[in-house]
Amino acid sequence: MGRELERKFLVTNDRWRRRAGRGVIYRQGYLSTDPKRSVRVRVAGEKAAITIKSETVGAGRDEYEYPIPKEEAERMLRTLCVKPLIKKTRYVIKKGKLKWELDRFAAENRGLVIAEVELKDAKQDIEKPDWLGDEVTGDKRYFNLSLVKHPYSEWGVLRK
């Protein structure tokens, strides 16, 4: 069993680009969108995986991820997954001892840019880069699972 502990922030400017590499295109969809137990299929570059996650409590949740053949993942994305799919480019930025994953969303979630950092424990101090904005760790609207049901492009005046 894996345990994922992460904090999530909005990104306020493009200064992160100086430290980012090329990025990897992600396409993912959900076979189950139950917030208590979601099942995700993801293609990231040439790799594919199926992931089962428990409900998020605080900044943590259980996570089980297994590699699957890319062709099978592509078929599941086309035929079984709830639409719309999540499409984004992920950039990895190392700052000190931390590894930030910055997601620049596309398609129905275009305009949304989120940075996540995985932690060893919930009380771990983090040095915040100058491109970070508000923390949205506990705001379920920013979960990928929620963005399938309520894409960012539909938020309108509800955006922060």
C-alpha atoms as a PDB file:
ATOM      1  CA  MET A   1       0.000   0.000   0.000  1.00  0.00           C
ATOM      2  CA  GLY A   2       1.180   3.487  -0.809  1.00  0.00           C
ATOM      3  CA  ARG A   3       0.361   6.601   1.138  1.00  0.00           C
ATOM      4  CA  GLU A   4       0.332   9.912  -0.699  1.00  0.00           C
ATOM      5  CA  LEU A   5       0.857  13.097   1.279  1.00  0.00           C
ATOM      6  CA  GLU A   6       0.851  16.290  -0.751  1.00  0.00           C
ATOM      7  CA  ARG A   7       0.076  19.982  -0.654  1.00  0.00           C
ATOM      8  CA  LYS A   8      -1.402  21.796  -3.622  1.00  0.00           C
ATOM      9  CA  PHE A   9      -1.103  25.466  -4.646  1.00  0.00           C
ATOM     10  CA  LEU A  10      -2.298  27.735  -7.425  1.00  0.00           C
ATOM     11  CA  VAL A  11       0.456  29.144  -9.637  1.00  0.00           C
ATOM     12  CA  THR A  12       0.376  32.927 -10.042  1.00  0.00           C
ATOM     13  CA  ASN A  13       3.009  33.717 -12.680  1.00  0.00           C
ATOM     14  CA  ASP A  14       5.346  32.202 -15.296  1.00  0.00           C
ATOM     15  CA  ARG A  15       8.616  32.471 -13.343  1.00  0.00           C
ATOM     16  CA  TRP A  16       8.513  28.677 -12.873  1.00  0.00           C
ATOM     17  CA  ARG A  17       9.293  28.230 -16.594  1.00  0.00           C
ATOM     18  CA  ARG A  18      12.958  29.159 -16.062  1.00  0.00           C
ATOM     19  CA  ARG A  19      13.483  26.009 -14.007  1.00  0.00           C
ATOM     20  CA  ALA A  20      11.140  23.645 -15.834  1.00  0.00           C
ATOM     21  CA  GLY A  21      12.111  21.111 -18.431  1.00  0.00           C
ATOM     22  CA  ARG A  22      10.066  20.149 -21.484  1.00  0.00           C
ATOM     23  CA  GLY A  23       7.213  18.585 -19.586  1.00  0.00           C
ATOM     24  CA  VAL A  24       5.259  15.393 -20.239  1.00  0.00           C
ATOM     25  CA  ILE A  25       1.760  15.315 -21.730  1.00  0.00           C
ATOM     26  CA  TYR A  26      -0.753  13.504 -19.524  1.00  0.00           C
ATOM     27  CA  ARG A  27      -4.169  12.191 -20.495  1.00  0.00           C
ATOM     28  CA  GLN A  28      -6.256  10.612 -17.805  1.00  0.00           C
ATOM     29  CA  GLY A  29      -9.759   9.460 -17.207  1.00  0.00           C
ATOM     30  CA  TYR A  30     -11.786   7.903 -14.426  1.00  0.00           C
ATOM     31  CA  LEU A  31     -13.502   4.526 -14.345  1.00  0.00           C
ATOM     32  CA  SER A  32     -14.964   5.422 -10.939  1.00  0.00           C
ATOM     33  CA  THR A  33     -15.570   8.988  -9.770  1.00  0.00           C
ATOM     34  CA  ASP A  34     -16.724   8.069  -6.269  1.00  0.00           C
ATOM     35  CA  PRO A  35     -14.721  10.432  -4.004  1.00  0.00           C
ATOM     36  CA  LYS A  36     -14.346   7.668  -1.407  1.00  0.00           C
ATOM     37  CA  ARG A  37     -12.618   5.360  -3.931  1.00  0.00           C
ATOM     38  CA  SER A  38     -11.626   6.562  -7.368  1.00  0.00           C
ATOM     39  CA  VAL A  39     -10.089   4.525 -10.180  1.00  0.00           C
ATOM     40  CA  ARG A  40      -7.989   6.411 -12.712  1.00  0.00           C
ATOM     41  CA  VAL A  41      -6.383   5.394 -16.024  1.00  0.00           C
ATOM     42  CA  ARG A  42      -3.444   7.549 -17.101  1.00  0.00           C
ATOM     43  CA  VAL A  43      -1.162   7.792 -20.099  1.00  0.00           C
ATOM     44  CA  ALA A  44       1.942   9.890 -19.406  1.00  0.00           C
ATOM     45  CA  GLY A  45       4.234  10.044 -22.397  1.00  0.00           C
ATOM     46  CA  GLU A  46       4.907   6.413 -23.334  1.00  0.00           C
ATOM     47  CA  LYS A  47       3.865   4.965 -19.952  1.00  0.00           C
ATOM     48  CA  ALA A  48       0.434   3.987 -18.702  1.00  0.00           C
ATOM     49  CA  ALA A  49      -0.988   3.050 -15.316  1.00  0.00           C
ATOM     50  CA  ILE A  50      -4.175   2.343 -13.450  1.00  0.00           C
ATOM     51  CA  THR A  51      -4.465   3.955 -10.021  1.00  0.00           C
ATOM     52  CA  ILE A  52      -6.869   3.364  -7.156  1.00  0.00           C
ATOM     53  CA  LYS A  53      -7.141   6.117  -4.541  1.00  0.00           C
ATOM     54  CA  SER A  54      -8.988   6.441  -1.271  1.00  0.00           C
ATOM     55  CA  GLU A  55     -10.757   9.568  -0.120  1.00  0.00           C
ATOM     56  CA  THR A  56      -8.430  12.450   0.764  1.00  0.00           C
ATOM     57  CA  VAL A  57      -8.300  13.211   4.472  1.00  0.00           C
ATOM     58  CA  GLY A  58      -6.293  16.346   5.247  1.00  0.00           C
ATOM     59  CA  ALA A  59      -3.306  16.193   2.900  1.00  0.00           C
ATOM     60  CA  GLY A  60      -3.118  12.398   2.658  1.00  0.00           C
ATOM     61  CA  ARG A  61      -4.776   9.358   1.137  1.00  0.00           C
ATOM     62  CA  ASP A  62      -4.058   5.761   0.210  1.00  0.00           C
ATOM     63  CA  GLU A  63      -2.888   5.163  -3.335  1.00  0.00           C
ATOM     64  CA  TYR A  64      -2.222   1.987  -5.314  1.00  0.00           C
ATOM     65  CA  GLU A  65      -0.726   2.318  -8.793  1.00  0.00           C
ATOM     66  CA  TYR A  66       0.021  -0.421 -11.332  1.00  0.00           C
ATOM     67  CA  PRO A  67       1.586  -0.162 -14.786  1.00  0.00           C
ATOM     68  CA  ILE A  68      -0.574  -1.390 -17.675  1.00  0.00           C
ATOM     69  CA  PRO A  69       0.060  -1.665 -21.430  1.00  0.00           C
ATOM     70  CA  LYS A  70      -0.331   1.719 -23.132  1.00  0.00           C
ATOM     71  CA  GLU A  71      -2.631   0.262 -25.800  1.00  0.00           C
ATOM     72  CA  GLU A  72      -5.046  -0.979 -23.126  1.00  0.00           C
ATOM     73  CA  ALA A  73      -4.974   2.378 -21.349  1.00  0.00           C
ATOM     74  CA  GLU A  74      -5.711   4.190 -24.630  1.00  0.00           C
ATOM     75  CA  ARG A  75      -8.689   1.903 -25.262  1.00  0.00           C
ATOM     76  CA  MET A  76     -10.048   2.478 -21.729  1.00  0.00           C
ATOM     77  CA  LEU A  77      -9.667   6.250 -22.161  1.00  0.00           C
ATOM     78  CA  ARG A  78     -11.630   6.083 -25.419  1.00  0.00           C
ATOM     79  CA  THR A  79     -14.359   3.629 -24.425  1.00  0.00           C
ATOM     80  CA  LEU A  80     -14.768   3.327 -20.641  1.00  0.00           C
ATOM     81  CA  CYS A  81     -13.673   6.520 -18.911  1.00  0.00           C
ATOM     82  CA  VAL A  82     -15.994   9.328 -17.865  1.00  0.00           C
ATOM     83  CA  LYS A  83     -15.711  12.338 -20.167  1.00  0.00           C
ATOM     84  CA  PRO A  84     -14.202  14.851 -20.433  1.00  0.00           C
ATOM     85  CA  LEU A  85     -10.725  13.454 -19.971  1.00  0.00           C
ATOM     86  CA  ILE A  86      -8.154  15.420 -18.017  1.00  0.00           C
ATOM     87  CA  LYS A  87      -5.445  16.758 -20.335  1.00  0.00           C
ATOM     88  CA  LYS A  88      -2.390  18.520 -18.965  1.00  0.00           C
ATOM     89  CA  THR A  89       1.345  18.941 -19.283  1.00  0.00           C
ATOM     90  CA  ARG A  90       3.346  18.116 -16.166  1.00  0.00           C
ATOM     91  CA  TYR A  91       6.631  19.813 -15.403  1.00  0.00           C
ATOM     92  CA  VAL A  92       8.996  18.743 -12.618  1.00  0.00           C
ATOM     93  CA  ILE A  93      10.886  21.456 -10.782  1.00  0.00           C
ATOM     94  CA  LYS A  94      13.446  20.681  -8.081  1.00  0.00           C
ATOM     95  CA  LYS A  95      13.958  23.354  -5.457  1.00  0.00           C
ATOM     96  CA  GLY A  96      16.206  22.432  -2.564  1.00  0.00           C
ATOM     97  CA  LYS A  97      15.196  19.005  -1.276  1.00  0.00           C
ATOM     98  CA  LEU A  98      11.690  19.307  -2.684  1.00  0.00           C
ATOM     99  CA  LYS A  99      10.312  18.139  -6.012  1.00  0.00           C
ATOM    100  CA  TRP A 100       7.433  20.225  -7.318  1.00  0.00           C
ATOM    101  CA  GLU A 101       5.076  18.859  -9.960  1.00  0.00           C
ATOM    102  CA  LEU A 102       3.456  21.655 -11.876  1.00  0.00           C
ATOM    103  CA  ASP A 103       0.393  20.834 -14.004  1.00  0.00           C
ATOM    104  CA  ARG A 104      -0.655  23.184 -16.814  1.00  0.00           C
ATOM    105  CA  PHE A 105      -4.129  22.043 -17.809  1.00  0.00           C
ATOM    106  CA  ALA A 106      -5.534  22.035 -21.343  1.00  0.00           C
ATOM    107  CA  ALA A 107      -8.909  21.512 -23.076  1.00  0.00           C
ATOM    108  CA  GLU A 108     -11.878  21.974 -20.677  1.00  0.00           C
ATOM    109  CA  ASN A 109      -9.536  22.975 -17.838  1.00  0.00           C
ATOM    110  CA  ARG A 110      -7.370  25.409 -19.828  1.00  0.00           C
ATOM    111  CA  GLY A 111      -6.089  28.339 -17.791  1.00  0.00           C
ATOM    112  CA  LEU A 112      -5.638  26.343 -14.598  1.00  0.00           C
ATOM    113  CA  VAL A 113      -2.074  25.855 -13.356  1.00  0.00           C
ATOM    114  CA  ILE A 114      -1.462  23.950 -10.123  1.00  0.00           C
ATOM    115  CA  ALA A 115       1.740  22.996  -8.299  1.00  0.00           C
ATOM    116  CA  GLU A 116       1.908  20.010  -5.958  1.00  0.00           C
ATOM    117  CA  VAL A 117       4.643  18.926  -3.605  1.00  0.00           C
ATOM    118  CA  GLU A 118       4.793  15.469  -2.001  1.00  0.00           C
ATOM    119  CA  LEU A 119       5.826  15.403   1.629  1.00  0.00           C
ATOM    120  CA  LYS A 120       7.336  12.847   3.982  1.00  0.00           C
ATOM    121  CA  ASP A 121       5.054  13.974   6.829  1.00  0.00           C
ATOM    122  CA  ALA A 122       2.182  16.418   7.260  1.00  0.00           C
ATOM    123  CA  LYS A 123       4.194  18.848   9.419  1.00  0.00           C
ATOM    124  CA  GLN A 124       7.125  19.134   7.011  1.00  0.00           C
ATOM    125  CA  ASP A 125       8.168  22.733   6.371  1.00  0.00           C
ATOM    126  CA  ILE A 126       8.345  23.829   2.756  1.00  0.00           C
ATOM    127  CA  GLU A 127      10.094  26.760   1.150  1.00  0.00           C
ATOM    128  CA  LYS A 128       7.557  28.309  -1.198  1.00  0.00           C
ATOM    129  CA  PRO A 129       8.820  29.404  -4.616  1.00  0.00           C
ATOM    130  CA  ASP A 130       7.908  32.949  -5.735  1.00  0.00           C
ATOM    131  CA  TRP A 131       5.480  31.594  -8.340  1.00  0.00           C
ATOM    132  CA  LEU A 132       3.152  29.999  -5.775  1.00  0.00           C
ATOM    133  CA  GLY A 133      -0.195  31.516  -4.927  1.00  0.00           C
ATOM    134  CA  ASP A 134      -2.958  30.401  -2.585  1.00  0.00           C
ATOM    135  CA  GLU A 135      -2.882  26.928  -1.096  1.00  0.00           C
ATOM    136  CA  VAL A 136      -5.796  24.797  -2.335  1.00  0.00           C
ATOM    137  CA  THR A 137      -4.882  21.480  -0.679  1.00  0.00           C
ATOM    138  CA  GLY A 138      -8.285  21.066   0.956  1.00  0.00           C
ATOM    139  CA  ASP A 139     -10.352  22.646  -1.827  1.00  0.00           C
ATOM    140  CA  LYS A 140     -11.979  19.715  -3.619  1.00  0.00           C
ATOM    141  CA  ARG A 141     -12.771  21.822  -6.699  1.00  0.00           C
ATOM    142  CA  TYR A 142      -9.091  21.513  -7.651  1.00  0.00           C
ATOM    143  CA  PHE A 143      -8.928  17.711  -7.423  1.00  0.00           C
ATOM    144  CA  ASN A 144      -8.555  16.121 -10.874  1.00  0.00           C
ATOM    145  CA  LEU A 145     -11.543  13.968  -9.980  1.00  0.00           C
ATOM    146  CA  SER A 146     -13.655  17.115  -9.508  1.00  0.00           C
ATOM    147  CA  LEU A 147     -12.331  18.736 -12.689  1.00  0.00           C
ATOM    148  CA  VAL A 148     -13.887  15.883 -14.684  1.00  0.00           C
ATOM    149  CA  LYS A 149     -17.337  16.626 -13.268  1.00  0.00           C
ATOM    150  CA  HIS A 150     -16.958  20.434 -13.112  1.00  0.00           C
ATOM    151  CA  PRO A 151     -14.260  21.612 -15.547  1.00  0.00           C
ATOM    152  CA  TYR A 152     -12.477  24.873 -14.822  1.00  0.00           C
ATOM    153  CA  SER A 153     -13.906  26.444 -17.992  1.00  0.00           C
ATOM    154  CA  GLU A 154     -17.401  26.156 -16.478  1.00  0.00           C
ATOM    155  CA  TRP A 155     -16.578  27.883 -13.188  1.00  0.00           C
ATOM    156  CA  GLY A 156     -17.198  31.387 -14.520  1.00  0.00           C
ATOM    157  CA  VAL A 157     -17.621  33.892 -11.691  1.00  0.00           C
ATOM    158  CA  LEU A 158     -16.901  31.217  -9.073  1.00  0.00           C
ATOM    159  CA  ARG A 159     -13.164  31.340  -9.826  1.00  0.00           C
ATOM    160  CA  LYS A 160     -10.883  32.753  -7.160  1.00  0.00           C
END
